[in-house]
Amino acid sequence: MKRFLLGALLLCPLISICQVTINYTYDIAGNRTAKSISTYKMEEILLRTDSTEILNNNGTSYYSSVSPNPTNEKIEIFSNELSLPFNYLLIDLSGKILINGQSSENFLIINLSGYMKGTYVLVLSDQFKKLKYKIIKF
């Protein structure tokens, strides 16, 4: 019983942080000039499920959509809410980054046919904003 409690106490910090990503930047000579560390905590992720429309003060409408959700093959993403280019990540619930890319267009298709059934988190981000969607694959 003591071993179980000790193991549970040691694993608790690992449960709250699901993914840590370390990126390095190098100059032309190959010297490291910068290091950035990104962590994704699952309890901080507030998820959208399909689409959101935002109307700002000057009457401009911004819209983001991920469909179909749930899906069995591919998801279509549209967003004029983010500035171009925007980054996208597909993360499983264990925190593993499955897809990491950048889109220079407002419309994007991601093929999920090679992934197992389950729940995933899609993160769309530009330099100012981060949108998170819960994706269900059946």
C-alpha atoms as a PDB file:
ATOM      1  CA  MET A   1       0.000   0.000   0.000  1.00  0.00           C
ATOM      2  CA  LYS A   2       2.865   2.362   0.795  1.00  0.00           C
ATOM      3  CA  ARG A   3       4.385   1.734  -2.649  1.00  0.00           C
ATOM      4  CA  PHE A   4       1.077   2.523  -4.324  1.00  0.00           C
ATOM      5  CA  LEU A   5       0.679   5.810  -2.442  1.00  0.00           C
ATOM      6  CA  LEU A   6       4.287   6.784  -3.138  1.00  0.00           C
ATOM      7  CA  GLY A   7       3.841   6.004  -6.845  1.00  0.00           C
ATOM      8  CA  ALA A   8       0.598   7.989  -6.989  1.00  0.00           C
ATOM      9  CA  LEU A   9       2.238  10.990  -5.321  1.00  0.00           C
ATOM     10  CA  LEU A  10       5.148  10.879  -7.752  1.00  0.00           C
ATOM     11  CA  LEU A  11       2.853  10.665 -10.805  1.00  0.00           C
ATOM     12  CA  CYS A  12       0.445  13.457  -9.785  1.00  0.00           C
ATOM     13  CA  PRO A  13       2.599  16.260 -11.205  1.00  0.00           C
ATOM     14  CA  LEU A  14       2.851  14.368 -14.497  1.00  0.00           C
ATOM     15  CA  ILE A  15      -0.906  14.200 -14.845  1.00  0.00           C
ATOM     16  CA  SER A  16      -1.373  17.988 -14.830  1.00  0.00           C
ATOM     17  CA  ILE A  17       1.168  18.707 -17.604  1.00  0.00           C
ATOM     18  CA  CYS A  18       0.395  16.691 -20.684  1.00  0.00           C
ATOM     19  CA  GLN A  19       2.913  17.963 -23.201  1.00  0.00           C
ATOM     20  CA  VAL A  20       6.165  19.874 -23.050  1.00  0.00           C
ATOM     21  CA  THR A  21       7.678  21.127 -26.299  1.00  0.00           C
ATOM     22  CA  ILE A  22      11.173  22.606 -26.482  1.00  0.00           C
ATOM     23  CA  ASN A  23      12.162  24.609 -29.574  1.00  0.00           C
ATOM     24  CA  TYR A  24      15.635  25.958 -30.311  1.00  0.00           C
ATOM     25  CA  THR A  25      16.602  28.767 -32.697  1.00  0.00           C
ATOM     26  CA  TYR A  26      20.039  28.790 -34.338  1.00  0.00           C
ATOM     27  CA  ASP A  27      21.995  31.446 -36.203  1.00  0.00           C
ATOM     28  CA  ILE A  28      23.731  30.897 -39.566  1.00  0.00           C
ATOM     29  CA  ALA A  29      26.901  29.606 -37.885  1.00  0.00           C
ATOM     30  CA  GLY A  30      24.926  26.946 -36.014  1.00  0.00           C
ATOM     31  CA  ASN A  31      25.045  28.587 -32.583  1.00  0.00           C
ATOM     32  CA  ARG A  32      21.945  28.322 -30.449  1.00  0.00           C
ATOM     33  CA  THR A  33      20.443  31.799 -30.043  1.00  0.00           C
ATOM     34  CA  ALA A  34      17.119  31.087 -28.328  1.00  0.00           C
ATOM     35  CA  LYS A  35      15.212  28.382 -26.495  1.00  0.00           C
ATOM     36  CA  SER A  36      11.449  28.325 -25.979  1.00  0.00           C
ATOM     37  CA  ILE A  37       9.493  25.897 -23.838  1.00  0.00           C
ATOM     38  CA  SER A  38       5.755  25.361 -24.345  1.00  0.00           C
ATOM     39  CA  THR A  39       3.572  23.341 -21.990  1.00  0.00           C
ATOM     40  CA  TYR A  40      -0.055  22.368 -22.463  1.00  0.00           C
ATOM     41  CA  LYS A  41      -2.043  21.727 -19.297  1.00  0.00           C
ATOM     42  CA  MET A  42      -5.244  19.847 -19.979  1.00  0.00           C
ATOM     43  CA  GLU A  43      -7.130  21.512 -17.110  1.00  0.00           C
ATOM     44  CA  GLU A  44      -6.502  24.927 -18.709  1.00  0.00           C
ATOM     45  CA  ILE A  45      -7.976  23.954 -22.063  1.00  0.00           C
ATOM     46  CA  LEU A  46     -11.504  25.244 -22.597  1.00  0.00           C
ATOM     47  CA  LEU A  47     -12.774  23.515 -25.689  1.00  0.00           C
ATOM     48  CA  ARG A  48     -15.087  24.581 -28.468  1.00  0.00           C
ATOM     49  CA  THR A  49     -16.917  21.829 -30.302  1.00  0.00           C
ATOM     50  CA  ASP A  50     -17.823  23.064 -33.785  1.00  0.00           C
ATOM     51  CA  SER A  51     -18.199  26.756 -34.665  1.00  0.00           C
ATOM     52  CA  THR A  52     -18.125  30.218 -33.162  1.00  0.00           C
ATOM     53  CA  GLU A  53     -19.105  33.603 -34.561  1.00  0.00           C
ATOM     54  CA  ILE A  54     -17.844  36.798 -32.960  1.00  0.00           C
ATOM     55  CA  LEU A  55     -19.152  40.266 -33.782  1.00  0.00           C
ATOM     56  CA  ASN A  56     -16.824  43.092 -32.742  1.00  0.00           C
ATOM     57  CA  ASN A  57     -17.649  46.751 -32.011  1.00  0.00           C
ATOM     58  CA  ASN A  58     -17.293  48.045 -35.578  1.00  0.00           C
ATOM     59  CA  GLY A  59     -19.683  45.425 -36.982  1.00  0.00           C
ATOM     60  CA  THR A  60     -17.070  43.067 -38.456  1.00  0.00           C
ATOM     61  CA  SER A  61     -17.962  39.398 -38.066  1.00  0.00           C
ATOM     62  CA  TYR A  62     -15.282  36.808 -37.321  1.00  0.00           C
ATOM     63  CA  TYR A  63     -16.076  33.124 -37.723  1.00  0.00           C
ATOM     64  CA  SER A  64     -14.325  29.833 -36.993  1.00  0.00           C
ATOM     65  CA  SER A  65     -15.630  26.402 -37.863  1.00  0.00           C
ATOM     66  CA  VAL A  66     -14.423  22.798 -37.528  1.00  0.00           C
ATOM     67  CA  SER A  67     -16.656  20.219 -39.205  1.00  0.00           C
ATOM     68  CA  PRO A  68     -17.793  17.509 -39.325  1.00  0.00           C
ATOM     69  CA  ASN A  69     -17.417  16.827 -35.633  1.00  0.00           C
ATOM     70  CA  PRO A  70     -17.607  13.951 -34.745  1.00  0.00           C
ATOM     71  CA  THR A  71     -15.774  12.609 -37.774  1.00  0.00           C
ATOM     72  CA  ASN A  72     -14.405   9.331 -39.053  1.00  0.00           C
ATOM     73  CA  GLU A  73     -12.009  10.542 -41.746  1.00  0.00           C
ATOM     74  CA  LYS A  74     -11.242  14.253 -42.142  1.00  0.00           C
ATOM     75  CA  ILE A  75     -12.040  17.602 -40.599  1.00  0.00           C
ATOM     76  CA  GLU A  76     -12.489  20.844 -42.485  1.00  0.00           C
ATOM     77  CA  ILE A  77     -11.322  23.984 -40.722  1.00  0.00           C
ATOM     78  CA  PHE A  78     -12.284  27.528 -41.636  1.00  0.00           C
ATOM     79  CA  SER A  79     -11.267  30.613 -39.690  1.00  0.00           C
ATOM     80  CA  ASN A  80     -11.141  34.290 -40.485  1.00  0.00           C
ATOM     81  CA  GLU A  81     -10.739  34.879 -36.749  1.00  0.00           C
ATOM     82  CA  LEU A  82      -6.980  34.269 -36.893  1.00  0.00           C
ATOM     83  CA  SER A  83      -4.363  36.234 -38.803  1.00  0.00           C
ATOM     84  CA  LEU A  84      -2.465  34.403 -41.533  1.00  0.00           C
ATOM     85  CA  PRO A  85      -0.408  32.325 -41.355  1.00  0.00           C
ATOM     86  CA  PHE A  86      -1.776  30.445 -38.349  1.00  0.00           C
ATOM     87  CA  ASN A  87      -0.426  27.349 -36.615  1.00  0.00           C
ATOM     88  CA  TYR A  88      -2.378  24.186 -35.912  1.00  0.00           C
ATOM     89  CA  LEU A  89      -1.745  21.280 -33.539  1.00  0.00           C
ATOM     90  CA  LEU A  90      -3.626  18.021 -33.078  1.00  0.00           C
ATOM     91  CA  ILE A  91      -3.040  16.628 -29.594  1.00  0.00           C
ATOM     92  CA  ASP A  92      -4.312  13.377 -28.102  1.00  0.00           C
ATOM     93  CA  LEU A  93      -5.588  13.289 -24.518  1.00  0.00           C
ATOM     94  CA  SER A  94      -2.258  12.002 -23.223  1.00  0.00           C
ATOM     95  CA  GLY A  95      -0.719  15.264 -24.477  1.00  0.00           C
ATOM     96  CA  LYS A  96       1.181  13.834 -27.432  1.00  0.00           C
ATOM     97  CA  ILE A  97       1.358  16.179 -30.427  1.00  0.00           C
ATOM     98  CA  LEU A  98       0.215  14.161 -33.457  1.00  0.00           C
ATOM     99  CA  ILE A  99       0.112  16.893 -36.114  1.00  0.00           C
ATOM    100  CA  ASN A 100       1.991  20.193 -36.054  1.00  0.00           C
ATOM    101  CA  GLY A 101       1.701  22.551 -39.002  1.00  0.00           C
ATOM    102  CA  GLN A 102       1.108  26.003 -40.365  1.00  0.00           C
ATOM    103  CA  SER A 103      -1.566  27.213 -42.793  1.00  0.00           C
ATOM    104  CA  SER A 104      -1.314  30.259 -45.012  1.00  0.00           C
ATOM    105  CA  GLU A 105      -5.007  30.038 -46.005  1.00  0.00           C
ATOM    106  CA  ASN A 106      -8.268  30.423 -44.072  1.00  0.00           C
ATOM    107  CA  PHE A 107      -9.440  26.940 -45.139  1.00  0.00           C
ATOM    108  CA  LEU A 108      -7.653  23.718 -44.157  1.00  0.00           C
ATOM    109  CA  ILE A 109      -8.426  19.976 -44.324  1.00  0.00           C
ATOM    110  CA  ILE A 110      -6.789  17.542 -41.890  1.00  0.00           C
ATOM    111  CA  ASN A 111      -6.987  13.811 -42.612  1.00  0.00           C
ATOM    112  CA  LEU A 112      -7.592  11.740 -39.463  1.00  0.00           C
ATOM    113  CA  SER A 113      -8.064   8.361 -41.140  1.00  0.00           C
ATOM    114  CA  GLY A 114      -4.710   7.085 -39.843  1.00  0.00           C
ATOM    115  CA  TYR A 115      -5.552   7.785 -36.199  1.00  0.00           C
ATOM    116  CA  MET A 116      -7.419   5.648 -33.692  1.00  0.00           C
ATOM    117  CA  LYS A 117     -10.984   6.316 -32.532  1.00  0.00           C
ATOM    118  CA  GLY A 118     -11.047   8.712 -29.618  1.00  0.00           C
ATOM    119  CA  THR A 119     -11.028  12.301 -28.470  1.00  0.00           C
ATOM    120  CA  TYR A 120      -8.429  14.812 -29.620  1.00  0.00           C
ATOM    121  CA  VAL A 121      -7.713  18.498 -29.068  1.00  0.00           C
ATOM    122  CA  LEU A 122      -7.199  20.774 -32.078  1.00  0.00           C
ATOM    123  CA  VAL A 123      -5.352  24.005 -31.288  1.00  0.00           C
ATOM    124  CA  LEU A 124      -5.408  26.853 -33.827  1.00  0.00           C
ATOM    125  CA  SER A 125      -3.233  29.846 -32.981  1.00  0.00           C
ATOM    126  CA  ASP A 126      -1.714  32.999 -34.367  1.00  0.00           C
ATOM    127  CA  GLN A 127       0.515  35.471 -32.571  1.00  0.00           C
ATOM    128  CA  PHE A 128      -2.440  36.998 -30.671  1.00  0.00           C
ATOM    129  CA  LYS A 129      -5.077  34.305 -30.172  1.00  0.00           C
ATOM    130  CA  LYS A 130      -5.459  30.589 -29.449  1.00  0.00           C
ATOM    131  CA  LEU A 131      -8.605  28.581 -30.329  1.00  0.00           C
ATOM    132  CA  LYS A 132      -9.100  25.064 -28.968  1.00  0.00           C
ATOM    133  CA  TYR A 133     -11.558  22.483 -30.269  1.00  0.00           C
ATOM    134  CA  LYS A 134     -12.530  19.045 -29.002  1.00  0.00           C
ATOM    135  CA  ILE A 135     -12.475  16.594 -31.923  1.00  0.00           C
ATOM    136  CA  ILE A 136     -14.166  13.202 -31.691  1.00  0.00           C
ATOM    137  CA  LYS A 137     -13.110  10.470 -34.130  1.00  0.00           C
ATOM    138  CA  PHE A 138     -15.349   7.414 -34.440  1.00  0.00           C
END
